[in-house]
Amino acid sequence: MNPDLDTLTRDAAALLDQRRNDEAIDLMRSDEAPNHPALCALLARAYYQRGDAKGDMYAASFFSRRAAELGDTSAEVLAIRGLTAFRTEQYAQAVDAFSAYVTDQSPAAT
């Protein structure tokens, strides 16, 4: 990751930790964003955290799928993929995402 992108992702993550989703989205919005897995993952988180509006769920779904296409295998992206697919009534995609999220190595339910 280049220094500018590293700073951008760190700043955006800090805004998201403070639930300042709109500011984080504005900070990351660029033509290049859909080509960087870290930015896609953060945008997925920002739109997911922003709420249940249909547009936000579809945006979170898009960016979480795109992050995965670009190589992000984080649990957070898998969870967002599953949750947004479920909330947008794409149940087969939700099952696929949750199947990747919950594996034989997952801890037992309590």
C-alpha atoms as a PDB file:
ATOM      1  CA  MET A   1       0.000   0.000   0.000  1.00  0.00           C
ATOM      2  CA  ASN A   2       1.382   3.421  -0.836  1.00  0.00           C
ATOM      3  CA  PRO A   3       1.794   6.013   1.950  1.00  0.00           C
ATOM      4  CA  ASP A   4      -1.139   8.162   0.771  1.00  0.00           C
ATOM      5  CA  LEU A   5      -3.443   5.152   0.602  1.00  0.00           C
ATOM      6  CA  ASP A   6      -2.181   3.950   3.969  1.00  0.00           C
ATOM      7  CA  THR A   7      -2.989   7.335   5.529  1.00  0.00           C
ATOM      8  CA  LEU A   8      -6.374   7.429   3.815  1.00  0.00           C
ATOM      9  CA  THR A   9      -7.378   3.989   5.091  1.00  0.00           C
ATOM     10  CA  ARG A  10      -6.166   4.786   8.611  1.00  0.00           C
ATOM     11  CA  ASP A  11      -8.081   8.102   8.658  1.00  0.00           C
ATOM     12  CA  ALA A  12     -11.231   6.505   7.241  1.00  0.00           C
ATOM     13  CA  ALA A  13     -11.081   3.656   9.769  1.00  0.00           C
ATOM     14  CA  ALA A  14     -10.739   6.191  12.598  1.00  0.00           C
ATOM     15  CA  LEU A  15     -13.831   8.034  11.362  1.00  0.00           C
ATOM     16  CA  LEU A  16     -15.760   4.754  11.154  1.00  0.00           C
ATOM     17  CA  ASP A  17     -14.729   3.857  14.699  1.00  0.00           C
ATOM     18  CA  GLN A  18     -16.377   7.138  15.732  1.00  0.00           C
ATOM     19  CA  ARG A  19     -19.486   6.303  13.651  1.00  0.00           C
ATOM     20  CA  ARG A  20     -18.801   9.286  11.391  1.00  0.00           C
ATOM     21  CA  ASN A  21     -19.901   7.277   8.364  1.00  0.00           C
ATOM     22  CA  ASP A  22     -20.762  10.132   5.984  1.00  0.00           C
ATOM     23  CA  GLU A  23     -17.393  11.795   6.567  1.00  0.00           C
ATOM     24  CA  ALA A  24     -15.595   8.500   5.965  1.00  0.00           C
ATOM     25  CA  ILE A  25     -17.518   7.918   2.741  1.00  0.00           C
ATOM     26  CA  ASP A  26     -16.716  11.442   1.531  1.00  0.00           C
ATOM     27  CA  LEU A  27     -13.043  10.912   2.372  1.00  0.00           C
ATOM     28  CA  MET A  28     -12.833   7.650   0.407  1.00  0.00           C
ATOM     29  CA  ARG A  29     -14.998   8.590  -2.562  1.00  0.00           C
ATOM     30  CA  SER A  30     -12.884   8.468  -5.713  1.00  0.00           C
ATOM     31  CA  ASP A  31     -12.733   6.790  -9.109  1.00  0.00           C
ATOM     32  CA  GLU A  32      -9.969   4.529  -7.784  1.00  0.00           C
ATOM     33  CA  ALA A  33     -11.824   3.308  -4.681  1.00  0.00           C
ATOM     34  CA  PRO A  34     -13.463   0.280  -6.373  1.00  0.00           C
ATOM     35  CA  ASN A  35      -9.992  -0.984  -7.316  1.00  0.00           C
ATOM     36  CA  HIS A  36      -8.518  -1.155  -3.800  1.00  0.00           C
ATOM     37  CA  PRO A  37      -9.605  -3.998  -1.496  1.00  0.00           C
ATOM     38  CA  ALA A  38      -8.959  -2.004   1.695  1.00  0.00           C
ATOM     39  CA  LEU A  39     -11.049   0.937   0.509  1.00  0.00           C
ATOM     40  CA  CYS A  40     -13.825  -1.368  -0.675  1.00  0.00           C
ATOM     41  CA  ALA A  41     -13.875  -3.096   2.716  1.00  0.00           C
ATOM     42  CA  LEU A  42     -14.033   0.240   4.526  1.00  0.00           C
ATOM     43  CA  LEU A  43     -16.753   1.545   2.211  1.00  0.00           C
ATOM     44  CA  ALA A  44     -18.748  -1.640   2.812  1.00  0.00           C
ATOM     45  CA  ARG A  45     -18.428  -1.051   6.551  1.00  0.00           C
ATOM     46  CA  ALA A  46     -19.375   2.634   6.220  1.00  0.00           C
ATOM     47  CA  TYR A  47     -22.537   1.951   4.237  1.00  0.00           C
ATOM     48  CA  TYR A  48     -23.478  -0.981   6.478  1.00  0.00           C
ATOM     49  CA  GLN A  49     -23.002   1.077   9.643  1.00  0.00           C
ATOM     50  CA  ARG A  50     -24.978   3.968   8.181  1.00  0.00           C
ATOM     51  CA  GLY A  51     -28.220   2.084   8.383  1.00  0.00           C
ATOM     52  CA  ASP A  52     -30.945  -0.014   6.930  1.00  0.00           C
ATOM     53  CA  ALA A  53     -31.884   2.190   3.989  1.00  0.00           C
ATOM     54  CA  LYS A  54     -32.140   0.060   0.852  1.00  0.00           C
ATOM     55  CA  GLY A  55     -29.508   2.137  -0.958  1.00  0.00           C
ATOM     56  CA  ASP A  56     -27.038   1.738   1.896  1.00  0.00           C
ATOM     57  CA  MET A  57     -27.530  -2.044   2.006  1.00  0.00           C
ATOM     58  CA  TYR A  58     -27.023  -2.327  -1.751  1.00  0.00           C
ATOM     59  CA  ALA A  59     -23.902  -0.121  -1.580  1.00  0.00           C
ATOM     60  CA  ALA A  60     -22.535  -2.171   1.342  1.00  0.00           C
ATOM     61  CA  SER A  61     -23.278  -5.338  -0.612  1.00  0.00           C
ATOM     62  CA  PHE A  62     -21.515  -4.030  -3.719  1.00  0.00           C
ATOM     63  CA  PHE A  63     -18.394  -2.911  -1.873  1.00  0.00           C
ATOM     64  CA  SER A  64     -18.153  -6.078   0.244  1.00  0.00           C
ATOM     65  CA  ARG A  65     -18.408  -8.266  -2.887  1.00  0.00           C
ATOM     66  CA  ARG A  66     -15.860  -6.069  -4.662  1.00  0.00           C
ATOM     67  CA  ALA A  67     -13.452  -6.260  -1.705  1.00  0.00           C
ATOM     68  CA  ALA A  68     -13.726 -10.056  -1.832  1.00  0.00           C
ATOM     69  CA  GLU A  69     -13.139 -10.067  -5.614  1.00  0.00           C
ATOM     70  CA  LEU A  70      -9.970  -8.054  -4.993  1.00  0.00           C
ATOM     71  CA  GLY A  71      -8.707 -10.572  -2.440  1.00  0.00           C
ATOM     72  CA  ASP A  72     -10.049  -9.421   0.941  1.00  0.00           C
ATOM     73  CA  THR A  73     -10.798 -12.518   3.032  1.00  0.00           C
ATOM     74  CA  SER A  74     -11.507 -10.785   6.345  1.00  0.00           C
ATOM     75  CA  ALA A  75     -14.273 -12.004   8.619  1.00  0.00           C
ATOM     76  CA  GLU A  76     -15.764  -8.496   8.618  1.00  0.00           C
ATOM     77  CA  VAL A  77     -16.197  -8.470   4.833  1.00  0.00           C
ATOM     78  CA  LEU A  78     -17.698 -11.977   4.883  1.00  0.00           C
ATOM     79  CA  ALA A  79     -20.137 -10.957   7.609  1.00  0.00           C
ATOM     80  CA  ILE A  80     -21.171  -7.803   5.764  1.00  0.00           C
ATOM     81  CA  ARG A  81     -21.624  -9.817   2.564  1.00  0.00           C
ATOM     82  CA  GLY A  82     -23.895 -12.276   4.355  1.00  0.00           C
ATOM     83  CA  LEU A  83     -25.919  -9.685   6.239  1.00  0.00           C
ATOM     84  CA  THR A  84     -26.447  -7.384   3.277  1.00  0.00           C
ATOM     85  CA  ALA A  85     -27.397 -10.283   1.019  1.00  0.00           C
ATOM     86  CA  PHE A  86     -29.974 -11.379   3.582  1.00  0.00           C
ATOM     87  CA  ARG A  87     -31.356  -7.860   4.031  1.00  0.00           C
ATOM     88  CA  THR A  88     -31.664  -7.380   0.265  1.00  0.00           C
ATOM     89  CA  GLU A  89     -33.454 -10.743  -0.013  1.00  0.00           C
ATOM     90  CA  GLN A  90     -30.617 -12.457  -1.899  1.00  0.00           C
ATOM     91  CA  TYR A  91     -30.853 -15.548   0.246  1.00  0.00           C
ATOM     92  CA  ALA A  92     -28.665 -17.903  -1.801  1.00  0.00           C
ATOM     93  CA  GLN A  93     -25.823 -15.350  -1.679  1.00  0.00           C
ATOM     94  CA  ALA A  94     -26.385 -14.949   2.072  1.00  0.00           C
ATOM     95  CA  VAL A  95     -26.038 -18.706   2.562  1.00  0.00           C
ATOM     96  CA  ASP A  96     -22.832 -18.741   0.490  1.00  0.00           C
ATOM     97  CA  ALA A  97     -21.307 -15.890   2.489  1.00  0.00           C
ATOM     98  CA  PHE A  98     -22.304 -17.332   5.857  1.00  0.00           C
ATOM     99  CA  SER A  99     -21.025 -20.769   4.799  1.00  0.00           C
ATOM    100  CA  ALA A 100     -17.612 -19.208   4.209  1.00  0.00           C
ATOM    101  CA  TYR A 101     -17.871 -17.275   7.491  1.00  0.00           C
ATOM    102  CA  VAL A 102     -18.909 -20.212   9.678  1.00  0.00           C
ATOM    103  CA  THR A 103     -16.560 -23.166   9.196  1.00  0.00           C
ATOM    104  CA  ASP A 104     -15.542 -26.314  11.032  1.00  0.00           C
ATOM    105  CA  GLN A 105     -12.907 -24.217  12.793  1.00  0.00           C
ATOM    106  CA  SER A 106     -15.509 -21.754  14.124  1.00  0.00           C
ATOM    107  CA  PRO A 107     -16.116 -21.894  17.869  1.00  0.00           C
ATOM    108  CA  ALA A 108     -19.211 -23.728  19.044  1.00  0.00           C
ATOM    109  CA  ALA A 109     -22.356 -21.729  19.716  1.00  0.00           C
ATOM    110  CA  THR A 110     -22.907 -20.910  23.347  1.00  0.00           C
END
